[in-house]
Amino acid sequence: MQQKFEVDLLEEAFKYLESLELKHREKILQNIRRAQFHTDPKLFKKLTNEIWEFRTLYAGLQYRLLAFWDKTDKKETLVLATHGFVKKTSKVDKKEIDKAERIREIYFKEK
């Protein structure tokens, strides 16, 4: 089976994962790896035109890592995770989406 995209963790997403207990972090990373090979909205879902979410339900907690696509390099498609949080309501909080969009804007300005 062919990998659909590469994933890179930006600094805040990396720090978020480091702050979690090992088993929780491993489950999130396992789901990210699965999403790279399988199209499954339970693992990776579009939220807005530019922002997507990696989804993990583990130990009763709904972990989310927001991300965006960078398709500027013709050779590979890259998904960049911006930051993570535990989702507490049925919808992703607008401030979390806004934060991901700001990080995306900075990324492309600095690229």
N, C-alpha and C. Protein backbone atom coordinates (compact mmCIF):
# COMPACT_ATOMS: atom_id res chain seq x y z
N MET A 1 0.84 -1.19 0.00
CA MET A 1 0.00 0.00 0.00
C MET A 1 0.88 1.24 0.00
N GLN A 2 0.48 2.23 -0.78
CA GLN A 2 1.30 3.42 -0.94
C GLN A 2 0.91 4.52 0.05
N GLN A 3 1.92 5.17 0.57
CA GLN A 3 1.72 6.28 1.50
C GLN A 3 1.19 7.47 0.71
N LYS A 4 0.16 8.13 1.21
CA LYS A 4 -0.49 9.23 0.51
C LYS A 4 0.19 10.58 0.74
N PHE A 5 0.80 10.74 1.91
CA PHE A 5 1.45 12.00 2.25
C PHE A 5 2.43 11.80 3.39
N GLU A 6 3.36 12.74 3.51
CA GLU A 6 4.29 12.80 4.64
C GLU A 6 3.67 13.69 5.72
N VAL A 7 4.03 13.46 6.96
CA VAL A 7 3.55 14.30 8.06
C VAL A 7 4.75 14.87 8.80
N ASP A 8 4.68 16.15 9.10
CA ASP A 8 5.70 16.80 9.89
C ASP A 8 5.00 17.52 11.04
N LEU A 9 5.59 17.46 12.20
CA LEU A 9 5.03 18.14 13.37
C LEU A 9 5.74 19.47 13.54
N LEU A 10 4.98 20.55 13.53
CA LEU A 10 5.57 21.84 13.84
C LEU A 10 5.85 21.88 15.34
N GLU A 11 6.60 22.87 15.78
CA GLU A 11 7.11 22.90 17.15
C GLU A 11 6.03 22.73 18.21
N GLU A 12 4.93 23.45 18.08
CA GLU A 12 3.89 23.38 19.11
C GLU A 12 3.23 22.00 19.17
N ALA A 13 3.03 21.38 18.01
CA ALA A 13 2.45 20.03 17.98
C ALA A 13 3.41 19.03 18.61
N PHE A 14 4.69 19.17 18.32
CA PHE A 14 5.70 18.28 18.89
C PHE A 14 5.72 18.41 20.42
N LYS A 15 5.72 19.65 20.91
CA LYS A 15 5.73 19.87 22.37
C LYS A 15 4.47 19.31 23.02
N TYR A 16 3.34 19.46 22.34
CA TYR A 16 2.08 18.93 22.87
C TYR A 16 2.18 17.42 23.03
N LEU A 17 2.65 16.73 22.00
CA LEU A 17 2.77 15.27 22.09
C LEU A 17 3.75 14.85 23.17
N GLU A 18 4.84 15.59 23.31
CA GLU A 18 5.82 15.28 24.36
C GLU A 18 5.21 15.39 25.76
N SER A 19 4.22 16.27 25.91
CA SER A 19 3.62 16.51 27.23
C SER A 19 2.65 15.40 27.65
N LEU A 20 2.26 14.54 26.71
CA LEU A 20 1.29 13.49 27.00
C LEU A 20 1.95 12.25 27.58
N GLU A 21 1.14 11.43 28.25
CA GLU A 21 1.64 10.14 28.72
C GLU A 21 2.03 9.30 27.52
N LEU A 22 3.00 8.43 27.69
CA LEU A 22 3.57 7.64 26.60
C LEU A 22 2.50 6.87 25.82
N LYS A 23 1.60 6.16 26.49
CA LYS A 23 0.60 5.36 25.78
C LYS A 23 -0.34 6.23 24.95
N HIS A 24 -0.67 7.41 25.46
CA HIS A 24 -1.54 8.32 24.73
C HIS A 24 -0.81 8.84 23.48
N ARG A 25 0.43 9.23 23.66
CA ARG A 25 1.25 9.73 22.54
C ARG A 25 1.41 8.64 21.47
N GLU A 26 1.69 7.41 21.90
CA GLU A 26 1.86 6.31 20.95
C GLU A 26 0.59 6.06 20.16
N LYS A 27 -0.56 6.13 20.80
CA LYS A 27 -1.84 5.90 20.10
C LYS A 27 -2.07 6.99 19.06
N ILE A 28 -1.79 8.25 19.40
CA ILE A 28 -1.96 9.36 18.45
C ILE A 28 -1.03 9.17 17.26
N LEU A 29 0.22 8.84 17.50
CA LEU A 29 1.18 8.64 16.41
C LEU A 29 0.79 7.44 15.55
N GLN A 30 0.26 6.41 16.17
CA GLN A 30 -0.20 5.23 15.42
C GLN A 30 -1.35 5.64 14.48
N ASN A 31 -2.27 6.45 14.96
CA ASN A 31 -3.38 6.89 14.11
C ASN A 31 -2.90 7.80 12.98
N ILE A 32 -1.91 8.63 13.25
CA ILE A 32 -1.35 9.48 12.19
C ILE A 32 -0.74 8.60 11.10
N ARG A 33 0.01 7.57 11.51
CA ARG A 33 0.60 6.66 10.53
C ARG A 33 -0.49 5.95 9.70
N ARG A 34 -1.56 5.53 10.36
CA ARG A 34 -2.67 4.89 9.63
C ARG A 34 -3.28 5.85 8.62
N ALA A 35 -3.45 7.11 9.01
CA ALA A 35 -4.07 8.11 8.13
C ALA A 35 -3.21 8.34 6.88
N GLN A 36 -1.91 8.12 6.99
CA GLN A 36 -1.02 8.31 5.84
C GLN A 36 -1.27 7.26 4.75
N PHE A 37 -1.88 6.15 5.11
CA PHE A 37 -2.10 5.07 4.16
C PHE A 37 -3.57 4.82 3.81
N HIS A 38 -4.48 5.20 4.70
CA HIS A 38 -5.91 4.91 4.52
C HIS A 38 -6.72 6.20 4.59
N THR A 39 -7.62 6.37 3.64
CA THR A 39 -8.54 7.50 3.69
C THR A 39 -9.67 7.13 4.64
N ASP A 40 -9.66 7.74 5.81
CA ASP A 40 -10.66 7.42 6.82
C ASP A 40 -10.96 8.69 7.63
N PRO A 41 -12.17 9.25 7.51
CA PRO A 41 -12.50 10.47 8.25
C PRO A 41 -12.51 10.28 9.77
N LYS A 42 -12.46 9.04 10.24
CA LYS A 42 -12.34 8.82 11.69
C LYS A 42 -10.92 9.13 12.16
N LEU A 43 -9.96 9.16 11.21
CA LEU A 43 -8.57 9.42 11.54
C LEU A 43 -8.10 10.81 11.11
N PHE A 44 -8.57 11.26 9.94
CA PHE A 44 -8.08 12.52 9.36
C PHE A 44 -9.24 13.15 8.61
N LYS A 45 -9.68 14.32 9.07
CA LYS A 45 -10.91 14.92 8.56
C LYS A 45 -10.72 16.40 8.25
N LYS A 46 -11.35 16.85 7.18
CA LYS A 46 -11.30 18.25 6.78
C LYS A 46 -12.26 19.07 7.64
N LEU A 47 -11.74 20.20 8.18
CA LEU A 47 -12.57 21.09 8.99
C LEU A 47 -12.99 22.34 8.22
N THR A 48 -12.03 22.94 7.50
CA THR A 48 -12.29 24.13 6.70
C THR A 48 -11.59 23.93 5.36
N ASN A 49 -11.57 24.95 4.52
CA ASN A 49 -10.87 24.82 3.24
C ASN A 49 -9.40 24.49 3.42
N GLU A 50 -8.78 25.01 4.47
CA GLU A 50 -7.34 24.87 4.66
C GLU A 50 -6.93 23.99 5.84
N ILE A 51 -7.81 23.80 6.81
CA ILE A 51 -7.44 23.13 8.06
C ILE A 51 -8.10 21.75 8.16
N TRP A 52 -7.28 20.79 8.54
CA TRP A 52 -7.71 19.40 8.74
C TRP A 52 -7.41 19.01 10.19
N GLU A 53 -7.94 17.87 10.63
CA GLU A 53 -7.64 17.39 11.97
C GLU A 53 -7.31 15.91 11.96
N PHE A 54 -6.24 15.57 12.69
CA PHE A 54 -5.96 14.18 13.02
C PHE A 54 -6.77 13.88 14.27
N ARG A 55 -7.50 12.78 14.24
CA ARG A 55 -8.44 12.46 15.32
C ARG A 55 -8.03 11.16 16.03
N THR A 56 -8.02 11.21 17.35
CA THR A 56 -7.74 10.01 18.13
C THR A 56 -8.64 10.00 19.35
N LEU A 57 -9.36 8.91 19.53
CA LEU A 57 -10.14 8.69 20.75
C LEU A 57 -9.39 7.64 21.55
N TYR A 58 -8.95 8.01 22.75
CA TYR A 58 -8.18 7.08 23.56
C TYR A 58 -8.46 7.36 25.03
N ALA A 59 -8.76 6.32 25.78
CA ALA A 59 -9.01 6.42 27.22
C ALA A 59 -10.10 7.47 27.52
N GLY A 60 -11.10 7.52 26.65
CA GLY A 60 -12.22 8.44 26.86
C GLY A 60 -11.95 9.89 26.49
N LEU A 61 -10.76 10.17 25.96
CA LEU A 61 -10.42 11.54 25.58
C LEU A 61 -10.35 11.66 24.05
N GLN A 62 -10.84 12.77 23.54
CA GLN A 62 -10.79 13.03 22.10
C GLN A 62 -9.62 13.96 21.81
N TYR A 63 -8.52 13.37 21.38
CA TYR A 63 -7.33 14.15 21.05
C TYR A 63 -7.45 14.65 19.62
N ARG A 64 -7.02 15.89 19.41
CA ARG A 64 -7.01 16.47 18.08
C ARG A 64 -5.68 17.15 17.82
N LEU A 65 -5.14 16.93 16.63
CA LEU A 65 -3.98 17.68 16.13
C LEU A 65 -4.46 18.34 14.85
N LEU A 66 -4.46 19.66 14.83
CA LEU A 66 -4.88 20.36 13.62
C LEU A 66 -3.69 20.43 12.67
N ALA A 67 -4.01 20.49 11.38
CA ALA A 67 -2.96 20.40 10.36
C ALA A 67 -3.38 21.11 9.09
N PHE A 68 -2.40 21.31 8.20
CA PHE A 68 -2.68 21.87 6.88
C PHE A 68 -1.75 21.21 5.88
N TRP A 69 -2.08 21.36 4.59
CA TRP A 69 -1.31 20.75 3.51
C TRP A 69 -0.32 21.75 2.94
N ASP A 70 0.85 21.27 2.59
CA ASP A 70 1.83 22.05 1.84
C ASP A 70 2.12 21.25 0.57
N LYS A 71 1.57 21.72 -0.54
CA LYS A 71 1.75 21.02 -1.82
C LYS A 71 2.67 21.80 -2.75
N THR A 72 3.50 22.70 -2.18
CA THR A 72 4.36 23.54 -3.00
C THR A 72 5.53 22.75 -3.61
N ASP A 73 5.95 21.68 -2.95
CA ASP A 73 7.00 20.83 -3.50
C ASP A 73 6.33 19.78 -4.39
N LYS A 74 6.65 19.79 -5.66
CA LYS A 74 5.98 18.91 -6.63
C LYS A 74 6.26 17.42 -6.38
N LYS A 75 7.33 17.13 -5.67
CA LYS A 75 7.73 15.74 -5.48
C LYS A 75 6.94 15.02 -4.39
N GLU A 76 6.58 15.73 -3.35
CA GLU A 76 5.86 15.08 -2.26
C GLU A 76 4.81 16.02 -1.67
N THR A 77 3.79 15.42 -1.11
CA THR A 77 2.75 16.17 -0.43
C THR A 77 3.03 16.07 1.06
N LEU A 78 3.01 17.21 1.71
CA LEU A 78 3.36 17.28 3.12
C LEU A 78 2.18 17.81 3.92
N VAL A 79 1.88 17.16 5.02
CA VAL A 79 0.86 17.64 5.96
C VAL A 79 1.60 18.07 7.21
N LEU A 80 1.33 19.30 7.64
CA LEU A 80 2.01 19.84 8.82
C LEU A 80 1.02 19.99 9.97
N ALA A 81 1.31 19.33 11.07
CA ALA A 81 0.47 19.45 12.26
C ALA A 81 0.87 20.71 13.02
N THR A 82 -0.11 21.56 13.34
CA THR A 82 0.18 22.84 13.96
C THR A 82 0.22 22.76 15.48
N HIS A 83 -0.81 22.19 16.07
CA HIS A 83 -0.89 22.10 17.53
C HIS A 83 -1.94 21.06 17.91
N GLY A 84 -1.98 20.72 19.18
CA GLY A 84 -2.91 19.70 19.65
C GLY A 84 -3.69 20.15 20.86
N PHE A 85 -4.79 19.44 21.11
CA PHE A 85 -5.63 19.73 22.27
C PHE A 85 -6.58 18.56 22.48
N VAL A 86 -7.25 18.56 23.63
CA VAL A 86 -8.30 17.60 23.91
C VAL A 86 -9.62 18.30 23.61
N LYS A 87 -10.40 17.69 22.73
CA LYS A 87 -11.68 18.27 22.34
C LYS A 87 -12.71 17.95 23.41
N LYS A 88 -13.43 18.99 23.87
CA LYS A 88 -14.37 18.81 24.98
C LYS A 88 -15.83 18.98 24.56
N THR A 89 -16.06 19.53 23.37
CA THR A 89 -17.43 19.73 22.90
C THR A 89 -17.60 19.00 21.57
N SER A 90 -18.81 19.03 21.03
CA SER A 90 -19.06 18.30 19.79
C SER A 90 -18.38 18.94 18.59
N LYS A 91 -18.14 20.24 18.63
CA LYS A 91 -17.47 20.93 17.52
C LYS A 91 -16.09 21.39 17.97
N VAL A 92 -15.19 21.50 17.00
CA VAL A 92 -13.86 22.04 17.30
C VAL A 92 -14.02 23.54 17.52
N ASP A 93 -13.47 24.02 18.61
CA ASP A 93 -13.57 25.44 18.98
C ASP A 93 -12.98 26.32 17.88
N LYS A 94 -13.69 27.38 17.53
CA LYS A 94 -13.25 28.31 16.47
C LYS A 94 -11.87 28.88 16.78
N LYS A 95 -11.57 29.13 18.04
CA LYS A 95 -10.26 29.70 18.38
C LYS A 95 -9.13 28.74 18.03
N GLU A 96 -9.38 27.42 18.12
CA GLU A 96 -8.36 26.43 17.74
C GLU A 96 -8.14 26.45 16.23
N ILE A 97 -9.21 26.57 15.46
CA ILE A 97 -9.09 26.65 14.00
C ILE A 97 -8.37 27.94 13.62
N ASP A 98 -8.73 29.05 14.27
CA ASP A 98 -8.07 30.33 13.99
C ASP A 98 -6.57 30.25 14.28
N LYS A 99 -6.23 29.58 15.38
CA LYS A 99 -4.81 29.42 15.74
C LYS A 99 -4.08 28.63 14.66
N ALA A 100 -4.68 27.56 14.18
CA ALA A 100 -4.06 26.76 13.12
C ALA A 100 -3.90 27.59 11.85
N GLU A 101 -4.88 28.42 11.53
CA GLU A 101 -4.78 29.27 10.34
C GLU A 101 -3.66 30.30 10.48
N ARG A 102 -3.49 30.85 11.67
CA ARG A 102 -2.40 31.81 11.91
C ARG A 102 -1.04 31.12 11.74
N ILE A 103 -0.90 29.93 12.30
CA ILE A 103 0.35 29.17 12.19
C ILE A 103 0.62 28.86 10.72
N ARG A 104 -0.42 28.51 9.97
CA ARG A 104 -0.28 28.22 8.53
C ARG A 104 0.22 29.45 7.79
N GLU A 105 -0.37 30.61 8.06
CA GLU A 105 0.05 31.86 7.40
C GLU A 105 1.52 32.15 7.67
N ILE A 106 1.93 32.02 8.92
CA ILE A 106 3.34 32.26 9.29
C ILE A 106 4.25 31.28 8.56
N TYR A 107 3.85 30.02 8.51
CA TYR A 107 4.66 28.98 7.84
C TYR A 107 4.93 29.37 6.39
N PHE A 108 3.88 29.75 5.65
CA PHE A 108 4.06 30.05 4.24
C PHE A 108 4.79 31.38 4.02
N LYS A 109 4.67 32.33 4.94
CA LYS A 109 5.42 33.60 4.83
C LYS A 109 6.91 33.34 5.01
N GLU A 110 7.26 32.44 5.92
CA GLU A 110 8.66 32.18 6.25
C GLU A 110 9.29 31.16 5.31
N LYS A 111 8.50 30.47 4.54
CA LYS A 111 9.02 29.42 3.67
C LYS A 111 9.80 29.99 2.50
